[in-house]
Amino acid sequence: MAKTSPFEFLQQVRAEAAKVTWPTRKETLVTTAMVFLMAVVASIFFLFTDMIIRWVIGLVLGIGR
């Protein structure tokens, strides 16, 4: 593979960066909100799952009387 000069490399980087489609501000905000919402939903799900498993284990071991 042939080596490229630093100047040629920077030209190639600029050419590739020009091809990138950046998200709009609205798309970024909506995506960020969805990530936070899914984190909250997942944490609530795992909280209740943990509580149910703890209750079942307590019943099986006779601790939860």
PDB file of N, CA and C in Angstrom:
ATOM      1  N   MET A   1       0.845  -1.166   0.000  1.00  0.00           N
ATOM      2  CA  MET A   1       0.000   0.000   0.000  1.00  0.00           C
ATOM      3  C   MET A   1       0.896   1.235   0.000  1.00  0.00           C
ATOM      4  N   ALA A   2       0.631   2.128  -0.900  1.00  0.00           N
ATOM      5  CA  ALA A   2       1.453   3.320  -1.041  1.00  0.00           C
ATOM      6  C   ALA A   2       1.171   4.299   0.087  1.00  0.00           C
ATOM      7  N   LYS A   3       2.238   4.952   0.561  1.00  0.00           N
ATOM      8  CA  LYS A   3       2.082   5.939   1.625  1.00  0.00           C
ATOM      9  C   LYS A   3       1.671   7.267   1.021  1.00  0.00           C
ATOM     10  N   THR A   4       0.817   7.988   1.745  1.00  0.00           N
ATOM     11  CA  THR A   4       0.382   9.297   1.274  1.00  0.00           C
ATOM     12  C   THR A   4       1.032  10.371   2.125  1.00  0.00           C
ATOM     13  N   SER A   5       1.193  11.515   1.543  1.00  0.00           N
ATOM     14  CA  SER A   5       1.787  12.631   2.278  1.00  0.00           C
ATOM     15  C   SER A   5       0.762  13.194   3.262  1.00  0.00           C
ATOM     16  N   PRO A   6       1.228  13.887   4.295  1.00  0.00           N
ATOM     17  CA  PRO A   6       0.279  14.468   5.259  1.00  0.00           C
ATOM     18  C   PRO A   6      -0.710  15.427   4.590  1.00  0.00           C
ATOM     19  N   PHE A   7      -0.270  16.198   3.627  1.00  0.00           N
ATOM     20  CA  PHE A   7      -1.166  17.117   2.921  1.00  0.00           C
ATOM     21  C   PHE A   7      -2.253  16.359   2.175  1.00  0.00           C
ATOM     22  N   GLU A   8      -1.859  15.303   1.489  1.00  0.00           N
ATOM     23  CA  GLU A   8      -2.829  14.473   0.749  1.00  0.00           C
ATOM     24  C   GLU A   8      -3.809  13.803   1.718  1.00  0.00           C
ATOM     25  N   PHE A   9      -3.289  13.359   2.863  1.00  0.00           N
ATOM     26  CA  PHE A   9      -4.145  12.744   3.875  1.00  0.00           C
ATOM     27  C   PHE A   9      -5.210  13.726   4.364  1.00  0.00           C
ATOM     28  N   LEU A  10      -4.805  14.967   4.654  1.00  0.00           N
ATOM     29  CA  LEU A  10      -5.756  15.977   5.108  1.00  0.00           C
ATOM     30  C   LEU A  10      -6.802  16.287   4.043  1.00  0.00           C
ATOM     31  N   GLN A  11      -6.403  16.280   2.791  1.00  0.00           N
ATOM     32  CA  GLN A  11      -7.374  16.487   1.707  1.00  0.00           C
ATOM     33  C   GLN A  11      -8.396  15.360   1.684  1.00  0.00           C
ATOM     34  N   GLN A  12      -7.929  14.139   1.877  1.00  0.00           N
ATOM     35  CA  GLN A  12      -8.838  12.992   1.879  1.00  0.00           C
ATOM     36  C   GLN A  12      -9.789  13.050   3.082  1.00  0.00           C
ATOM     37  N   VAL A  13      -9.254  13.474   4.220  1.00  0.00           N
ATOM     38  CA  VAL A  13     -10.099  13.596   5.411  1.00  0.00           C
ATOM     39  C   VAL A  13     -11.180  14.638   5.182  1.00  0.00           C
ATOM     40  N   ARG A  14     -10.825  15.787   4.628  1.00  0.00           N
ATOM     41  CA  ARG A  14     -11.818  16.820   4.331  1.00  0.00           C
ATOM     42  C   ARG A  14     -12.869  16.324   3.343  1.00  0.00           C
ATOM     43  N   ALA A  15     -12.446  15.582   2.339  1.00  0.00           N
ATOM     44  CA  ALA A  15     -13.384  15.060   1.339  1.00  0.00           C
ATOM     45  C   ALA A  15     -14.373  14.092   1.990  1.00  0.00           C
ATOM     46  N   GLU A  16     -13.883  13.242   2.895  1.00  0.00           N
ATOM     47  CA  GLU A  16     -14.768  12.295   3.572  1.00  0.00           C
ATOM     48  C   GLU A  16     -15.695  13.013   4.549  1.00  0.00           C
ATOM     49  N   ALA A  17     -15.182  14.013   5.250  1.00  0.00           N
ATOM     50  CA  ALA A  17     -16.010  14.766   6.200  1.00  0.00           C
ATOM     51  C   ALA A  17     -17.118  15.522   5.479  1.00  0.00           C
ATOM     52  N   ALA A  18     -16.874  15.929   4.251  1.00  0.00           N
ATOM     53  CA  ALA A  18     -17.891  16.640   3.480  1.00  0.00           C
ATOM     54  C   ALA A  18     -19.048  15.711   3.090  1.00  0.00           C
ATOM     55  N   LYS A  19     -18.794  14.410   3.070  1.00  0.00           N
ATOM     56  CA  LYS A  19     -19.832  13.442   2.695  1.00  0.00           C
ATOM     57  C   LYS A  19     -20.770  13.102   3.864  1.00  0.00           C
ATOM     58  N   VAL A  20     -20.373  13.471   5.079  1.00  0.00           N
ATOM     59  CA  VAL A  20     -21.144  13.109   6.273  1.00  0.00           C
ATOM     60  C   VAL A  20     -22.441  13.912   6.315  1.00  0.00           C
ATOM     61  N   THR A  21     -23.533  13.223   6.630  1.00  0.00           N
ATOM     62  CA  THR A  21     -24.824  13.886   6.823  1.00  0.00           C
ATOM     63  C   THR A  21     -25.032  14.055   8.316  1.00  0.00           C
ATOM     64  N   TRP A  22     -24.938  15.285   8.793  1.00  0.00           N
ATOM     65  CA  TRP A  22     -25.069  15.560  10.214  1.00  0.00           C
ATOM     66  C   TRP A  22     -26.534  15.716  10.580  1.00  0.00           C
ATOM     67  N   PRO A  23     -26.933  15.243  11.776  1.00  0.00           N
ATOM     68  CA  PRO A  23     -28.330  15.388  12.189  1.00  0.00           C
ATOM     69  C   PRO A  23     -28.655  16.846  12.508  1.00  0.00           C
ATOM     70  N   THR A  24     -29.921  17.169  12.352  1.00  0.00           N
ATOM     71  CA  THR A  24     -30.360  18.520  12.697  1.00  0.00           C
ATOM     72  C   THR A  24     -30.463  18.638  14.219  1.00  0.00           C
ATOM     73  N   ARG A  25     -30.636  19.855  14.686  1.00  0.00           N
ATOM     74  CA  ARG A  25     -30.757  20.078  16.133  1.00  0.00           C
ATOM     75  C   ARG A  25     -31.982  19.363  16.678  1.00  0.00           C
ATOM     76  N   LYS A  26     -33.089  19.402  15.930  1.00  0.00           N
ATOM     77  CA  LYS A  26     -34.324  18.744  16.373  1.00  0.00           C
ATOM     78  C   LYS A  26     -34.122  17.231  16.461  1.00  0.00           C
ATOM     79  N   GLU A  27     -33.478  16.639  15.456  1.00  0.00           N
ATOM     80  CA  GLU A  27     -33.223  15.198  15.484  1.00  0.00           C
ATOM     81  C   GLU A  27     -32.354  14.818  16.684  1.00  0.00           C
ATOM     82  N   THR A  28     -31.367  15.640  16.973  1.00  0.00           N
ATOM     83  CA  THR A  28     -30.485  15.369  18.111  1.00  0.00           C
ATOM     84  C   THR A  28     -31.254  15.443  19.421  1.00  0.00           C
ATOM     85  N   LEU A  29     -32.104  16.456  19.576  1.00  0.00           N
ATOM     86  CA  LEU A  29     -32.883  16.592  20.811  1.00  0.00           C
ATOM     87  C   LEU A  29     -33.869  15.450  20.981  1.00  0.00           C
ATOM     88  N   VAL A  30     -34.539  15.060  19.899  1.00  0.00           N
ATOM     89  CA  VAL A  30     -35.510  13.957  19.980  1.00  0.00           C
ATOM     90  C   VAL A  30     -34.807  12.655  20.329  1.00  0.00           C
ATOM     91  N   THR A  31     -33.675  12.405  19.701  1.00  0.00           N
ATOM     92  CA  THR A  31     -32.932  11.176  19.970  1.00  0.00           C
ATOM     93  C   THR A  31     -32.430  11.149  21.408  1.00  0.00           C
ATOM     94  N   THR A  32     -31.940  12.275  21.900  1.00  0.00           N
ATOM     95  CA  THR A  32     -31.471  12.357  23.283  1.00  0.00           C
ATOM     96  C   THR A  32     -32.621  12.117  24.259  1.00  0.00           C
ATOM     97  N   ALA A  33     -33.776  12.707  23.986  1.00  0.00           N
ATOM     98  CA  ALA A  33     -34.940  12.502  24.852  1.00  0.00           C
ATOM     99  C   ALA A  33     -35.358  11.036  24.861  1.00  0.00           C
ATOM    100  N   MET A  34     -35.313  10.393  23.718  1.00  0.00           N
ATOM    101  CA  MET A  34     -35.684   8.975  23.646  1.00  0.00           C
ATOM    102  C   MET A  34     -34.705   8.106  24.441  1.00  0.00           C
ATOM    103  N   VAL A  35     -33.427   8.438  24.403  1.00  0.00           N
ATOM    104  CA  VAL A  35     -32.445   7.677  25.175  1.00  0.00           C
ATOM    105  C   VAL A  35     -32.731   7.812  26.669  1.00  0.00           C
ATOM    106  N   PHE A  36     -32.992   9.038  27.132  1.00  0.00           N
ATOM    107  CA  PHE A  36     -33.309   9.232  28.548  1.00  0.00           C
ATOM    108  C   PHE A  36     -34.606   8.518  28.922  1.00  0.00           C
ATOM    109  N   LEU A  37     -35.620   8.586  28.071  1.00  0.00           N
ATOM    110  CA  LEU A  37     -36.886   7.915  28.346  1.00  0.00           C
ATOM    111  C   LEU A  37     -36.692   6.403  28.453  1.00  0.00           C
ATOM    112  N   MET A  38     -35.933   5.827  27.527  1.00  0.00           N
ATOM    113  CA  MET A  38     -35.705   4.380  27.562  1.00  0.00           C
ATOM    114  C   MET A  38     -34.883   3.979  28.783  1.00  0.00           C
ATOM    115  N   ALA A  39     -33.970   4.845  29.225  1.00  0.00           N
ATOM    116  CA  ALA A  39     -33.199   4.556  30.439  1.00  0.00           C
ATOM    117  C   ALA A  39     -34.117   4.526  31.655  1.00  0.00           C
ATOM    118  N   VAL A  40     -35.073   5.447  31.721  1.00  0.00           N
ATOM    119  CA  VAL A  40     -36.026   5.474  32.832  1.00  0.00           C
ATOM    120  C   VAL A  40     -36.923   4.236  32.787  1.00  0.00           C
ATOM    121  N   VAL A  41     -37.429   3.891  31.611  1.00  0.00           N
ATOM    122  CA  VAL A  41     -38.294   2.715  31.466  1.00  0.00           C
ATOM    123  C   VAL A  41     -37.534   1.448  31.855  1.00  0.00           C
ATOM    124  N   ALA A  42     -36.293   1.326  31.396  1.00  0.00           N
ATOM    125  CA  ALA A  42     -35.493   0.137  31.722  1.00  0.00           C
ATOM    126  C   ALA A  42     -35.216   0.064  33.220  1.00  0.00           C
ATOM    127  N   SER A  43     -34.921   1.189  33.848  1.00  0.00           N
ATOM    128  CA  SER A  43     -34.638   1.166  35.282  1.00  0.00           C
ATOM    129  C   SER A  43     -35.881   0.788  36.082  1.00  0.00           C
ATOM    130  N   ILE A  44     -37.036   1.273  35.684  1.00  0.00           N
ATOM    131  CA  ILE A  44     -38.282   0.898  36.375  1.00  0.00           C
ATOM    132  C   ILE A  44     -38.569  -0.589  36.180  1.00  0.00           C
ATOM    133  N   PHE A  45     -38.369  -1.087  34.962  1.00  0.00           N
ATOM    134  CA  PHE A  45     -38.579  -2.511  34.685  1.00  0.00           C
ATOM    135  C   PHE A  45     -37.683  -3.366  35.566  1.00  0.00           C
ATOM    136  N   PHE A  46     -36.392  -3.021  35.629  1.00  0.00           N
ATOM    137  CA  PHE A  46     -35.471  -3.827  36.427  1.00  0.00           C
ATOM    138  C   PHE A  46     -35.718  -3.675  37.923  1.00  0.00           C
ATOM    139  N   LEU A  47     -36.214  -2.533  38.359  1.00  0.00           N
ATOM    140  CA  LEU A  47     -36.582  -2.361  39.766  1.00  0.00           C
ATOM    141  C   LEU A  47     -37.693  -3.345  40.137  1.00  0.00           C
ATOM    142  N   PHE A  48     -38.756  -3.385  39.320  1.00  0.00           N
ATOM    143  CA  PHE A  48     -39.865  -4.291  39.622  1.00  0.00           C
ATOM    144  C   PHE A  48     -39.467  -5.749  39.458  1.00  0.00           C
ATOM    145  N   THR A  49     -38.637  -6.046  38.469  1.00  0.00           N
ATOM    146  CA  THR A  49     -38.160  -7.420  38.290  1.00  0.00           C
ATOM    147  C   THR A  49     -37.362  -7.865  39.507  1.00  0.00           C
ATOM    148  N   ASP A  50     -36.496  -6.988  40.005  1.00  0.00           N
ATOM    149  CA  ASP A  50     -35.699  -7.302  41.190  1.00  0.00           C
ATOM    150  C   ASP A  50     -36.593  -7.513  42.407  1.00  0.00           C
ATOM    151  N   MET A  51     -37.612  -6.681  42.559  1.00  0.00           N
ATOM    152  CA  MET A  51     -38.520  -6.823  43.699  1.00  0.00           C
ATOM    153  C   MET A  51     -39.268  -8.151  43.640  1.00  0.00           C
ATOM    154  N   ILE A  52     -39.709  -8.537  42.447  1.00  0.00           N
ATOM    155  CA  ILE A  52     -40.445  -9.804  42.295  1.00  0.00           C
ATOM    156  C   ILE A  52     -39.523 -10.989  42.577  1.00  0.00           C
ATOM    157  N   ILE A  53     -38.298 -10.954  42.038  1.00  0.00           N
ATOM    158  CA  ILE A  53     -37.360 -12.055  42.275  1.00  0.00           C
ATOM    159  C   ILE A  53     -37.019 -12.155  43.761  1.00  0.00           C
ATOM    160  N   ARG A  54     -36.816 -11.004  44.421  1.00  0.00           N
ATOM    161  CA  ARG A  54     -36.512 -11.003  45.860  1.00  0.00           C
ATOM    162  C   ARG A  54     -37.682 -11.603  46.641  1.00  0.00           C
ATOM    163  N   TRP A  55     -38.913 -11.266  46.263  1.00  0.00           N
ATOM    164  CA  TRP A  55     -40.096 -11.786  46.943  1.00  0.00           C
ATOM    165  C   TRP A  55     -40.193 -13.303  46.763  1.00  0.00           C
ATOM    166  N   VAL A  56     -39.975 -13.795  45.522  1.00  0.00           N
ATOM    167  CA  VAL A  56     -40.066 -15.244  45.246  1.00  0.00           C
ATOM    168  C   VAL A  56     -38.989 -15.989  46.010  1.00  0.00           C
ATOM    169  N   ILE A  57     -37.770 -15.483  46.032  1.00  0.00           N
ATOM    170  CA  ILE A  57     -36.698 -16.150  46.767  1.00  0.00           C
ATOM    171  C   ILE A  57     -37.004 -16.156  48.259  1.00  0.00           C
ATOM    172  N   GLY A  58     -37.583 -15.051  48.753  1.00  0.00           N
ATOM    173  CA  GLY A  58     -37.972 -15.010  50.157  1.00  0.00           C
ATOM    174  C   GLY A  58     -39.011 -16.071  50.488  1.00  0.00           C
ATOM    175  N   LEU A  59     -39.956 -16.262  49.577  1.00  0.00           N
ATOM    176  CA  LEU A  59     -40.976 -17.294  49.805  1.00  0.00           C
ATOM    177  C   LEU A  59     -40.363 -18.703  49.777  1.00  0.00           C
ATOM    178  N   VAL A  60     -39.477 -18.928  48.822  1.00  0.00           N
ATOM    179  CA  VAL A  60     -38.867 -20.250  48.687  1.00  0.00           C
ATOM    180  C   VAL A  60     -37.998 -20.582  49.902  1.00  0.00           C
ATOM    181  N   LEU A  61     -37.263 -19.611  50.383  1.00  0.00           N
ATOM    182  CA  LEU A  61     -36.375 -19.856  51.521  1.00  0.00           C
ATOM    183  C   LEU A  61     -37.071 -19.680  52.858  1.00  0.00           C
ATOM    184  N   GLY A  62     -38.315 -19.246  52.857  1.00  0.00           N
ATOM    185  CA  GLY A  62     -39.077 -19.069  54.098  1.00  0.00           C
ATOM    186  C   GLY A  62     -38.685 -17.842  54.876  1.00  0.00           C
ATOM    187  N   ILE A  63     -38.057 -16.860  54.223  1.00  0.00           N
ATOM    188  CA  ILE A  63     -37.618 -15.661  54.906  1.00  0.00           C
ATOM    189  C   ILE A  63     -38.747 -14.622  54.931  1.00  0.00           C
ATOM    190  N   GLY A  64     -39.545 -14.581  53.874  1.00  0.00           N
ATOM    191  CA  GLY A  64     -40.543 -13.534  53.728  1.00  0.00           C
ATOM    192  C   GLY A  64     -41.861 -13.823  54.397  1.00  0.00           C
ATOM    193  N   ARG A  65     -41.881 -14.017  55.697  1.00  0.00           N
ATOM    194  CA  ARG A  65     -43.141 -14.318  56.391  1.00  0.00           C
ATOM    195  C   ARG A  65     -43.756 -13.095  56.933  1.00  0.00           C
TER     196      ARG A  65
END
